[in-house]
N, C-alpha and C. Protein backbone atom coordinates (compact mmCIF):
# COMPACT_ATOMS: atom_id res chain seq x y z
N MET A 1 -0.58 6.12 -2.94
CA MET A 1 0.15 7.00 -3.53
C MET A 1 0.88 6.85 -4.09
N TYR A 2 1.66 8.11 -5.24
CA TYR A 2 2.28 7.35 -6.19
C TYR A 2 4.18 7.79 -5.82
N SER A 3 4.67 7.21 -6.25
CA SER A 3 6.33 7.99 -6.14
C SER A 3 7.06 7.25 -7.24
N ASN A 4 7.25 8.58 -7.18
CA ASN A 4 8.29 8.72 -8.66
C ASN A 4 9.67 9.22 -8.45
N ASN A 5 10.63 8.02 -7.74
CA ASN A 5 12.24 8.61 -7.91
C ASN A 5 12.18 8.81 -6.94
N HIS A 6 11.58 8.67 -5.86
CA HIS A 6 11.13 9.88 -4.71
C HIS A 6 12.96 9.62 -4.06
N HIS A 7 13.46 10.91 -3.73
CA HIS A 7 14.63 11.21 -3.46
C HIS A 7 15.64 10.00 -4.08
N ASN A 8 15.67 10.08 -5.21
CA ASN A 8 16.70 9.13 -6.46
C ASN A 8 16.67 7.92 -5.98
N ASP A 9 15.53 7.04 -4.88
CA ASP A 9 15.35 5.66 -4.68
C ASP A 9 15.80 4.92 -5.67
N GLY A 10 15.02 5.20 -6.94
CA GLY A 10 14.92 4.02 -8.17
C GLY A 10 13.64 3.34 -8.34
N HIS A 11 12.95 3.92 -7.45
CA HIS A 11 11.01 3.45 -7.36
C HIS A 11 10.05 4.12 -8.54
N ILE A 12 9.82 3.85 -9.26
CA ILE A 12 8.68 4.40 -9.57
C ILE A 12 7.34 3.16 -9.29
N ALA A 13 6.72 3.85 -8.12
CA ALA A 13 6.09 2.92 -7.62
C ALA A 13 4.22 3.22 -7.26
N VAL A 14 3.55 2.91 -6.91
CA VAL A 14 2.96 3.08 -5.85
C VAL A 14 2.88 2.30 -4.37
N LEU A 15 2.08 3.04 -3.57
CA LEU A 15 2.43 3.32 -2.05
C LEU A 15 1.10 2.89 -1.49
N ILE A 16 0.94 1.60 -0.71
CA ILE A 16 -0.09 1.21 -0.59
C ILE A 16 -0.79 0.74 0.92
N PRO A 17 -1.26 1.05 1.43
CA PRO A 17 -1.60 0.58 3.14
C PRO A 17 -1.91 -1.10 2.82
N ALA A 18 -1.49 -2.06 4.04
CA ALA A 18 -1.81 -3.24 4.51
C ALA A 18 -1.52 -3.73 5.56
N GLU A 19 -2.60 -4.74 5.42
CA GLU A 19 -3.16 -5.15 7.19
C GLU A 19 -1.34 -5.87 7.53
N PRO A 20 -1.93 -5.89 8.46
CA PRO A 20 -0.81 -5.94 9.78
C PRO A 20 0.06 -7.19 9.16
N GLY A 21 0.97 -7.41 8.85
CA GLY A 21 2.17 -8.53 8.81
C GLY A 21 1.66 -8.90 7.12
N VAL A 22 1.16 -8.41 6.44
CA VAL A 22 1.26 -8.58 4.68
C VAL A 22 2.24 -7.78 3.96
N GLN A 23 2.76 -6.55 4.37
CA GLN A 23 4.04 -6.43 4.15
C GLN A 23 5.02 -6.54 4.22
N GLU A 24 5.42 -7.56 5.14
CA GLU A 24 6.59 -8.66 4.94
C GLU A 24 6.40 -9.29 4.36
N GLU A 25 5.10 -10.42 4.80
CA GLU A 25 5.22 -11.36 3.45
C GLU A 25 5.22 -11.16 1.88
N LEU A 26 4.41 -10.19 1.69
CA LEU A 26 5.02 -9.58 0.55
C LEU A 26 6.27 -9.35 0.17
N ILE A 27 6.87 -8.53 1.05
CA ILE A 27 8.50 -8.10 0.36
C ILE A 27 9.35 -9.52 0.05
N ALA A 28 8.67 -10.41 1.48
CA ALA A 28 9.45 -11.66 1.20
C ALA A 28 9.00 -12.58 0.07
N SER A 29 7.91 -12.47 -0.34
CA SER A 29 7.75 -13.26 -1.71
C SER A 29 8.60 -13.10 -2.89
N ASP A 30 8.50 -11.27 -2.92
CA ASP A 30 9.29 -10.75 -4.23
C ASP A 30 9.99 -9.31 -3.93
N PRO A 31 10.82 -9.45 -3.47
CA PRO A 31 11.99 -8.11 -2.85
C PRO A 31 11.88 -7.38 -4.37
N ALA A 32 12.05 -7.67 -5.35
CA ALA A 32 11.99 -6.75 -6.27
C ALA A 32 10.97 -6.09 -7.20
N LEU A 33 10.17 -6.55 -6.52
CA LEU A 33 8.01 -6.03 -7.08
C LEU A 33 8.17 -5.06 -6.01
N TYR A 34 7.94 -5.80 -4.58
CA TYR A 34 7.84 -4.95 -3.63
C TYR A 34 8.86 -4.58 -2.34
N TYR A 35 8.56 -3.53 -2.15
CA TYR A 35 9.68 -2.68 -0.76
C TYR A 35 9.08 -1.71 0.17
N ARG A 36 9.52 -2.13 1.59
CA ARG A 36 9.04 -1.15 2.30
C ARG A 36 9.79 0.47 2.32
N PRO A 37 8.64 1.72 1.90
CA PRO A 37 8.72 2.64 1.62
C PRO A 37 9.46 3.52 3.04
N PRO A 38 10.14 4.66 2.16
CA PRO A 38 10.74 5.44 3.99
C PRO A 38 9.26 5.94 4.34
N TYR A 39 9.56 6.68 5.65
CA TYR A 39 8.00 7.41 6.03
C TYR A 39 7.11 6.71 6.01
N VAL A 40 6.45 5.86 5.01
CA VAL A 40 4.88 5.41 5.59
C VAL A 40 5.39 3.76 5.70
N GLY A 41 6.46 3.27 5.61
CA GLY A 41 6.59 1.85 5.44
C GLY A 41 6.44 1.18 6.70
N PRO A 42 7.01 1.85 7.81
CA PRO A 42 7.25 1.87 9.56
C PRO A 42 5.61 1.37 9.89
N ALA A 43 4.39 2.15 9.13
CA ALA A 43 3.14 2.40 9.68
C ALA A 43 2.64 0.69 8.55
N GLY A 44 3.10 0.14 8.15
CA GLY A 44 2.73 -0.94 7.62
C GLY A 44 2.68 -0.74 5.81
N TRP A 45 3.08 0.40 5.14
CA TRP A 45 2.09 0.68 4.03
C TRP A 45 3.28 -0.11 3.34
N VAL A 46 3.20 -0.61 2.07
CA VAL A 46 4.17 -1.43 1.08
C VAL A 46 4.01 -0.58 -0.37
N GLY A 47 5.83 -0.72 -0.84
CA GLY A 47 5.72 0.13 -2.37
C GLY A 47 5.60 -0.96 -3.26
N ILE A 48 4.67 -1.08 -4.35
CA ILE A 48 5.04 -1.44 -5.81
C ILE A 48 5.44 -1.23 -6.82
N ASP A 49 6.79 -1.85 -6.82
CA ASP A 49 6.83 -0.98 -8.16
C ASP A 49 6.52 -1.26 -9.77
N LEU A 50 6.05 -0.35 -10.45
CA LEU A 50 4.78 -0.28 -10.99
C LEU A 50 5.17 -1.16 -12.66
N ASP A 51 6.97 -1.19 -12.82
CA ASP A 51 7.61 -1.33 -13.98
C ASP A 51 7.69 -2.91 -13.83
N ARG A 52 7.06 -3.75 -12.74
CA ARG A 52 7.28 -5.12 -12.62
C ARG A 52 5.98 -6.05 -12.25
N ILE A 53 4.60 -5.33 -12.02
CA ILE A 53 3.62 -6.21 -11.93
C ILE A 53 2.45 -5.30 -13.27
N ASP A 54 1.58 -6.61 -13.32
CA ASP A 54 0.53 -6.72 -14.37
C ASP A 54 -0.41 -5.49 -13.83
N ASP A 55 -1.36 -5.34 -15.19
CA ASP A 55 -2.12 -4.32 -14.30
C ASP A 55 -3.41 -4.95 -13.54
N GLU A 56 -3.68 -6.53 -13.92
CA GLU A 56 -4.46 -7.32 -13.15
C GLU A 56 -3.74 -7.32 -11.65
N GLU A 57 -2.68 -7.56 -11.23
CA GLU A 57 -2.42 -7.96 -10.28
C GLU A 57 -2.44 -6.66 -9.11
N LEU A 58 -2.13 -5.32 -9.77
CA LEU A 58 -2.56 -4.05 -9.74
C LEU A 58 -3.57 -3.90 -8.83
N GLY A 59 -4.46 -4.20 -9.71
CA GLY A 59 -5.88 -3.72 -9.30
C GLY A 59 -6.20 -4.42 -8.36
N VAL A 60 -5.75 -5.50 -8.27
CA VAL A 60 -6.25 -6.55 -6.95
C VAL A 60 -5.55 -6.18 -5.47
N HIS A 61 -4.10 -5.45 -5.77
CA HIS A 61 -3.72 -4.48 -4.84
C HIS A 61 -3.95 -3.23 -4.05
N LEU A 62 -4.74 -2.27 -5.53
CA LEU A 62 -5.03 -1.35 -4.74
C LEU A 62 -6.87 -1.35 -4.36
N ILE A 63 -7.68 -2.42 -5.01
CA ILE A 63 -9.29 -2.56 -4.67
C ILE A 63 -8.62 -3.09 -2.70
N GLU A 64 -7.65 -4.12 -2.91
CA GLU A 64 -7.94 -4.16 -1.03
C GLU A 64 -7.32 -3.32 -0.18
N ALA A 65 -6.39 -2.53 -1.02
CA ALA A 65 -5.82 -1.34 0.13
C ALA A 65 -7.06 0.28 0.24
N HIS A 66 -7.93 -0.08 -0.89
CA HIS A 66 -9.31 0.95 -0.98
C HIS A 66 -10.02 0.48 0.05
N ARG A 67 -9.87 -1.07 0.35
CA ARG A 67 -11.39 -1.80 1.41
C ARG A 67 -10.51 -1.37 2.59
N LEU A 68 -9.45 -1.48 2.95
CA LEU A 68 -8.75 -1.48 4.23
C LEU A 68 -8.55 -0.15 4.31
N ILE A 69 -8.81 0.86 3.97
CA ILE A 69 -9.28 2.42 4.37
C ILE A 69 -10.61 2.63 4.73
N LEU A 70 -11.43 1.81 3.45
CA LEU A 70 -12.94 2.41 4.30
C LEU A 70 -12.95 1.35 5.73
N ARG A 71 -12.27 0.22 6.07
CA ARG A 71 -12.51 -0.08 6.73
C ARG A 71 -12.44 0.39 8.26
N LYS A 72 -11.08 0.95 8.09
CA LYS A 72 -10.65 2.26 8.76
C LYS A 72 -11.66 3.30 9.21
N GLN A 73 -11.91 3.60 8.66
CA GLN A 73 -12.60 4.87 8.47
C GLN A 73 -14.43 4.46 8.86
N ALA A 74 -14.55 3.57 8.37
CA ALA A 74 -16.53 3.17 9.46
C ALA A 74 -16.10 3.55 10.18
N PRO A 75 -15.88 3.28 11.69
CA PRO A 75 -16.33 2.94 13.01
C PRO A 75 -16.18 5.35 13.02
N LYS A 76 -15.32 5.78 12.43
CA LYS A 76 -15.52 7.23 12.41
C LYS A 76 -16.71 7.83 12.09
N LYS A 77 -16.99 7.28 10.86
CA LYS A 77 -18.49 7.94 10.29
C LYS A 77 -19.61 7.34 10.95
N LYS A 78 -19.33 6.13 11.57
CA LYS A 78 -20.67 5.82 12.38
C LYS A 78 -21.00 6.46 13.69
N ILE A 79 -19.78 7.42 14.21
CA ILE A 79 -19.93 7.87 15.28
C ILE A 79 -20.21 8.89 14.96
N ARG A 80 -19.83 9.67 13.58
CA ARG A 80 -20.32 11.12 13.23
C ARG A 80 -21.96 10.93 13.35
N ARG A 81 -21.96 9.75 12.62
CA ARG A 81 -23.64 9.93 12.28
C ARG A 81 -24.33 10.19 13.51
N GLU A 82 -24.17 9.50 14.77
CA GLU A 82 -25.04 9.08 15.94
C GLU A 82 -24.57 10.60 16.81
N LEU A 83 -23.57 11.72 16.12
CA LEU A 83 -23.93 12.17 17.28
C LEU A 83 -24.95 13.72 16.80
């Protein structure tokens, strides 16, 4: 998800889902880069400020978020195929 200074929070960022515990690790490692976004933060999503990350590192995060989403959807798709 893209966030463009939502409610004047000062972040131009992407918001991505993360595995349990990863959000806290990322924020602790670099609180200027990573943050807990409103609304989706309690569900484990992490905000990444785009002006503080290079494309390669951002790409790694986006690929991992995509894999996480696919893993979460896989059981649902399997069940649908069996019906």
